[in-house]
Amino acid sequence: MNKIIRRLRDDSGAATAEYAVTIMAAVGLAGLLVALLRGDEVRSMLTDLVHRALSTGG
């Protein structure tokens, strides 16, 4: 019985699971950003922003 309780309380591998969840969230966010940046509206807004930033350099 004590072996079962010790196994249930053992949290080895918990950090690895947390890293996996964090990595999956980052991959999901990166996928969302890629999908947004592929759109023509976003691309034109970013291009316009860069052109305006470079043209005001004087």
PDB file of N, CA and C in Angstrom:
ATOM      1  N   MET A   1       0.818  -1.206   0.000  1.00  0.00           N
ATOM      2  CA  MET A   1       0.000   0.000   0.000  1.00  0.00           C
ATOM      3  C   MET A   1       0.860   1.268   0.000  1.00  0.00           C
ATOM      4  N   ASN A   2       1.959   1.229   0.763  1.00  0.00           N
ATOM      5  CA  ASN A   2       2.845   2.398   0.823  1.00  0.00           C
ATOM      6  C   ASN A   2       3.476   2.678  -0.531  1.00  0.00           C
ATOM      7  N   LYS A   3       3.767   1.636  -1.307  1.00  0.00           N
ATOM      8  CA  LYS A   3       4.345   1.832  -2.637  1.00  0.00           C
ATOM      9  C   LYS A   3       3.384   2.594  -3.543  1.00  0.00           C
ATOM     10  N   ILE A   4       2.120   2.288  -3.445  1.00  0.00           N
ATOM     11  CA  ILE A   4       1.114   2.963  -4.276  1.00  0.00           C
ATOM     12  C   ILE A   4       1.012   4.433  -3.889  1.00  0.00           C
ATOM     13  N   ILE A   5       1.003   4.707  -2.601  1.00  0.00           N
ATOM     14  CA  ILE A   5       0.913   6.087  -2.132  1.00  0.00           C
ATOM     15  C   ILE A   5       2.149   6.865  -2.561  1.00  0.00           C
ATOM     16  N   ARG A   6       3.332   6.253  -2.457  1.00  0.00           N
ATOM     17  CA  ARG A   6       4.552   6.938  -2.885  1.00  0.00           C
ATOM     18  C   ARG A   6       4.521   7.225  -4.377  1.00  0.00           C
ATOM     19  N   ARG A   7       4.013   6.296  -5.152  1.00  0.00           N
ATOM     20  CA  ARG A   7       3.930   6.513  -6.600  1.00  0.00           C
ATOM     21  C   ARG A   7       2.941   7.627  -6.940  1.00  0.00           C
ATOM     22  N   LEU A   8       1.855   7.708  -6.226  1.00  0.00           N
ATOM     23  CA  LEU A   8       0.874   8.755  -6.480  1.00  0.00           C
ATOM     24  C   LEU A   8       1.411  10.129  -6.094  1.00  0.00           C
ATOM     25  N   ARG A   9       2.254  10.187  -5.090  1.00  0.00           N
ATOM     26  CA  ARG A   9       2.815  11.459  -4.640  1.00  0.00           C
ATOM     27  C   ARG A   9       4.052  11.859  -5.442  1.00  0.00           C
ATOM     28  N   ASP A  10       4.644  10.915  -6.150  1.00  0.00           N
ATOM     29  CA  ASP A  10       5.861  11.189  -6.917  1.00  0.00           C
ATOM     30  C   ASP A  10       5.527  12.119  -8.079  1.00  0.00           C
ATOM     31  N   ASP A  11       6.242  13.235  -8.157  1.00  0.00           N
ATOM     32  CA  ASP A  11       5.971  14.189  -9.231  1.00  0.00           C
ATOM     33  C   ASP A  11       7.115  14.258 -10.239  1.00  0.00           C
ATOM     34  N   SER A  12       7.912  13.207 -10.300  1.00  0.00           N
ATOM     35  CA  SER A  12       8.975  13.203 -11.308  1.00  0.00           C
ATOM     36  C   SER A  12       8.339  13.147 -12.690  1.00  0.00           C
ATOM     37  N   GLY A  13       8.863  13.947 -13.582  1.00  0.00           N
ATOM     38  CA  GLY A  13       8.286  14.055 -14.909  1.00  0.00           C
ATOM     39  C   GLY A  13       7.289  15.190 -15.043  1.00  0.00           C
ATOM     40  N   ALA A  14       6.946  15.826 -13.930  1.00  0.00           N
ATOM     41  CA  ALA A  14       5.979  16.925 -13.987  1.00  0.00           C
ATOM     42  C   ALA A  14       6.552  18.113 -14.740  1.00  0.00           C
ATOM     43  N   ALA A  15       7.837  18.391 -14.537  1.00  0.00           N
ATOM     44  CA  ALA A  15       8.450  19.517 -15.237  1.00  0.00           C
ATOM     45  C   ALA A  15       8.459  19.266 -16.743  1.00  0.00           C
ATOM     46  N   THR A  16       8.711  18.038 -17.133  1.00  0.00           N
ATOM     47  CA  THR A  16       8.716  17.701 -18.556  1.00  0.00           C
ATOM     48  C   THR A  16       7.337  17.914 -19.162  1.00  0.00           C
ATOM     49  N   ALA A  17       6.311  17.537 -18.446  1.00  0.00           N
ATOM     50  CA  ALA A  17       4.947  17.743 -18.932  1.00  0.00           C
ATOM     51  C   ALA A  17       4.630  19.233 -19.045  1.00  0.00           C
ATOM     52  N   GLU A  18       5.105  20.020 -18.096  1.00  0.00           N
ATOM     53  CA  GLU A  18       4.872  21.462 -18.155  1.00  0.00           C
ATOM     54  C   GLU A  18       5.600  22.080 -19.346  1.00  0.00           C
ATOM     55  N   TYR A  19       6.824  21.621 -19.607  1.00  0.00           N
ATOM     56  CA  TYR A  19       7.548  22.106 -20.783  1.00  0.00           C
ATOM     57  C   TYR A  19       6.810  21.735 -22.064  1.00  0.00           C
ATOM     58  N   ALA A  20       6.270  20.534 -22.107  1.00  0.00           N
ATOM     59  CA  ALA A  20       5.547  20.099 -23.300  1.00  0.00           C
ATOM     60  C   ALA A  20       4.316  20.964 -23.536  1.00  0.00           C
ATOM     61  N   VAL A  21       3.595  21.295 -22.492  1.00  0.00           N
ATOM     62  CA  VAL A  21       2.410  22.150 -22.626  1.00  0.00           C
ATOM     63  C   VAL A  21       2.818  23.544 -23.090  1.00  0.00           C
ATOM     64  N   THR A  22       3.910  24.066 -22.522  1.00  0.00           N
ATOM     65  CA  THR A  22       4.386  25.390 -22.923  1.00  0.00           C
ATOM     66  C   THR A  22       4.817  25.409 -24.380  1.00  0.00           C
ATOM     67  N   ILE A  23       5.528  24.378 -24.803  1.00  0.00           N
ATOM     68  CA  ILE A  23       5.971  24.297 -26.196  1.00  0.00           C
ATOM     69  C   ILE A  23       4.784  24.191 -27.136  1.00  0.00           C
ATOM     70  N   MET A  24       3.788  23.412 -26.782  1.00  0.00           N
ATOM     71  CA  MET A  24       2.602  23.279 -27.635  1.00  0.00           C
ATOM     72  C   MET A  24       1.856  24.610 -27.739  1.00  0.00           C
ATOM     73  N   ALA A  25       1.800  25.357 -26.651  1.00  0.00           N
ATOM     74  CA  ALA A  25       1.150  26.673 -26.697  1.00  0.00           C
ATOM     75  C   ALA A  25       1.935  27.624 -27.596  1.00  0.00           C
ATOM     76  N   ALA A  26       3.261  27.576 -27.507  1.00  0.00           N
ATOM     77  CA  ALA A  26       4.088  28.433 -28.356  1.00  0.00           C
ATOM     78  C   ALA A  26       3.941  28.065 -29.829  1.00  0.00           C
ATOM     79  N   VAL A  27       3.871  26.784 -30.121  1.00  0.00           N
ATOM     80  CA  VAL A  27       3.687  26.333 -31.501  1.00  0.00           C
ATOM     81  C   VAL A  27       2.325  26.780 -32.025  1.00  0.00           C
ATOM     82  N   GLY A  28       1.304  26.694 -31.191  1.00  0.00           N
ATOM     83  CA  GLY A  28      -0.024  27.161 -31.598  1.00  0.00           C
ATOM     84  C   GLY A  28      -0.037  28.650 -31.881  1.00  0.00           C
ATOM     85  N   LEU A  29       0.624  29.425 -31.038  1.00  0.00           N
ATOM     86  CA  LEU A  29       0.693  30.871 -31.252  1.00  0.00           C
ATOM     87  C   LEU A  29       1.473  31.195 -32.518  1.00  0.00           C
ATOM     88  N   ALA A  30       2.569  30.482 -32.746  1.00  0.00           N
ATOM     89  CA  ALA A  30       3.349  30.703 -33.964  1.00  0.00           C
ATOM     90  C   ALA A  30       2.525  30.366 -35.205  1.00  0.00           C
ATOM     91  N   GLY A  31       1.752  29.302 -35.137  1.00  0.00           N
ATOM     92  CA  GLY A  31       0.886  28.950 -36.263  1.00  0.00           C
ATOM     93  C   GLY A  31      -0.161  30.019 -36.531  1.00  0.00           C
ATOM     94  N   LEU A  32      -0.708  30.571 -35.477  1.00  0.00           N
ATOM     95  CA  LEU A  32      -1.687  31.638 -35.627  1.00  0.00           C
ATOM     96  C   LEU A  32      -1.051  32.876 -36.262  1.00  0.00           C
ATOM     97  N   LEU A  33       0.154  33.220 -35.820  1.00  0.00           N
ATOM     98  CA  LEU A  33       0.845  34.372 -36.400  1.00  0.00           C
ATOM     99  C   LEU A  33       1.174  34.149 -37.872  1.00  0.00           C
ATOM    100  N   VAL A  34       1.583  32.946 -38.213  1.00  0.00           N
ATOM    101  CA  VAL A  34       1.872  32.640 -39.621  1.00  0.00           C
ATOM    102  C   VAL A  34       0.609  32.777 -40.456  1.00  0.00           C
ATOM    103  N   ALA A  35      -0.499  32.275 -39.938  1.00  0.00           N
ATOM    104  CA  ALA A  35      -1.761  32.381 -40.676  1.00  0.00           C
ATOM    105  C   ALA A  35      -2.164  33.838 -40.858  1.00  0.00           C
ATOM    106  N   LEU A  36      -1.957  34.653 -39.836  1.00  0.00           N
ATOM    107  CA  LEU A  36      -2.297  36.074 -39.949  1.00  0.00           C
ATOM    108  C   LEU A  36      -1.377  36.797 -40.933  1.00  0.00           C
ATOM    109  N   LEU A  37      -0.090  36.482 -40.886  1.00  0.00           N
ATOM    110  CA  LEU A  37       0.867  37.184 -41.739  1.00  0.00           C
ATOM    111  C   LEU A  37       0.760  36.774 -43.204  1.00  0.00           C
ATOM    112  N   ARG A  38       0.130  35.670 -43.483  1.00  0.00           N
ATOM    113  CA  ARG A  38      -0.052  35.261 -44.870  1.00  0.00           C
ATOM    114  C   ARG A  38      -1.190  36.025 -45.546  1.00  0.00           C
ATOM    115  N   GLY A  39      -2.016  36.671 -44.767  1.00  0.00           N
ATOM    116  CA  GLY A  39      -3.128  37.429 -45.326  1.00  0.00           C
ATOM    117  C   GLY A  39      -2.639  38.675 -46.040  1.00  0.00           C
ATOM    118  N   ASP A  40      -3.307  39.042 -47.107  1.00  0.00           N
ATOM    119  CA  ASP A  40      -2.902  40.200 -47.903  1.00  0.00           C
ATOM    120  C   ASP A  40      -3.053  41.509 -47.143  1.00  0.00           C
ATOM    121  N   GLU A  41      -4.100  41.632 -46.329  1.00  0.00           N
ATOM    122  CA  GLU A  41      -4.312  42.877 -45.582  1.00  0.00           C
ATOM    123  C   GLU A  41      -3.180  43.131 -44.595  1.00  0.00           C
ATOM    124  N   VAL A  42      -2.816  42.113 -43.860  1.00  0.00           N
ATOM    125  CA  VAL A  42      -1.754  42.263 -42.865  1.00  0.00           C
ATOM    126  C   VAL A  42      -0.431  42.536 -43.555  1.00  0.00           C
ATOM    127  N   ARG A  43      -0.164  41.843 -44.647  1.00  0.00           N
ATOM    128  CA  ARG A  43       1.082  42.052 -45.380  1.00  0.00           C
ATOM    129  C   ARG A  43       1.177  43.489 -45.898  1.00  0.00           C
ATOM    130  N   SER A  44       0.073  44.004 -46.438  1.00  0.00           N
ATOM    131  CA  SER A  44       0.104  45.372 -46.956  1.00  0.00           C
ATOM    132  C   SER A  44       0.251  46.396 -45.825  1.00  0.00           C
ATOM    133  N   MET A  45      -0.371  46.144 -44.678  1.00  0.00           N
ATOM    134  CA  MET A  45      -0.214  47.040 -43.535  1.00  0.00           C
ATOM    135  C   MET A  45       1.233  47.075 -43.061  1.00  0.00           C
ATOM    136  N   LEU A  46       1.864  45.899 -42.966  1.00  0.00           N
ATOM    137  CA  LEU A  46       3.251  45.851 -42.521  1.00  0.00           C
ATOM    138  C   LEU A  46       4.189  46.502 -43.532  1.00  0.00           C
ATOM    139  N   THR A  47       3.934  46.278 -44.821  1.00  0.00           N
ATOM    140  CA  THR A  47       4.756  46.905 -45.853  1.00  0.00           C
ATOM    141  C   THR A  47       4.622  48.416 -45.788  1.00  0.00           C
ATOM    142  N   ASP A  48       3.408  48.899 -45.626  1.00  0.00           N
ATOM    143  CA  ASP A  48       3.177  50.338 -45.516  1.00  0.00           C
ATOM    144  C   ASP A  48       3.870  50.910 -44.287  1.00  0.00           C
ATOM    145  N   LEU A  49       3.815  50.206 -43.188  1.00  0.00           N
ATOM    146  CA  LEU A  49       4.458  50.645 -41.956  1.00  0.00           C
ATOM    147  C   LEU A  49       5.977  50.754 -42.148  1.00  0.00           C
ATOM    148  N   VAL A  50       6.562  49.765 -42.793  1.00  0.00           N
ATOM    149  CA  VAL A  50       8.012  49.789 -43.017  1.00  0.00           C
ATOM    150  C   VAL A  50       8.382  50.931 -43.954  1.00  0.00           C
ATOM    151  N   HIS A  51       7.602  51.112 -45.018  1.00  0.00           N
ATOM    152  CA  HIS A  51       7.891  52.215 -45.955  1.00  0.00           C
ATOM    153  C   HIS A  51       7.806  53.573 -45.257  1.00  0.00           C
ATOM    154  N   ARG A  52       6.801  53.758 -44.420  1.00  0.00           N
ATOM    155  CA  ARG A  52       6.661  55.025 -43.712  1.00  0.00           C
ATOM    156  C   ARG A  52       7.805  55.234 -42.725  1.00  0.00           C
ATOM    157  N   ALA A  53       8.224  54.161 -42.049  1.00  0.00           N
ATOM    158  CA  ALA A  53       9.319  54.277 -41.086  1.00  0.00           C
ATOM    159  C   ALA A  53      10.622  54.622 -41.781  1.00  0.00           C
ATOM    160  N   LEU A  54      10.849  54.043 -42.961  1.00  0.00           N
ATOM    161  CA  LEU A  54      12.099  54.306 -43.674  1.00  0.00           C
ATOM    162  C   LEU A  54      12.091  55.650 -44.376  1.00  0.00           C
ATOM    163  N   SER A  55      10.935  56.132 -44.771  1.00  0.00           N
ATOM    164  CA  SER A  55      10.877  57.392 -45.504  1.00  0.00           C
ATOM    165  C   SER A  55      10.974  58.610 -44.584  1.00  0.00           C
ATOM    166  N   THR A  56      10.725  58.455 -43.293  1.00  0.00           N
ATOM    167  CA  THR A  56      10.778  59.593 -42.379  1.00  0.00           C
ATOM    168  C   THR A  56      12.182  59.791 -41.812  1.00  0.00           C
ATOM    169  N   GLY A  57      13.139  59.003 -42.269  1.00  0.00           N
ATOM    170  CA  GLY A  57      14.507  59.100 -41.754  1.00  0.00           C
ATOM    171  C   GLY A  57      15.214  60.388 -42.151  1.00  0.00           C
ATOM    172  N   GLY A  58      14.728  61.057 -43.182  1.00  0.00           N
ATOM    173  CA  GLY A  58      15.191  62.367 -43.532  1.00  0.00           C
ATOM    174  C   GLY A  58      16.448  62.414 -44.257  1.00  0.00           C
TER     175      GLY A  58
END
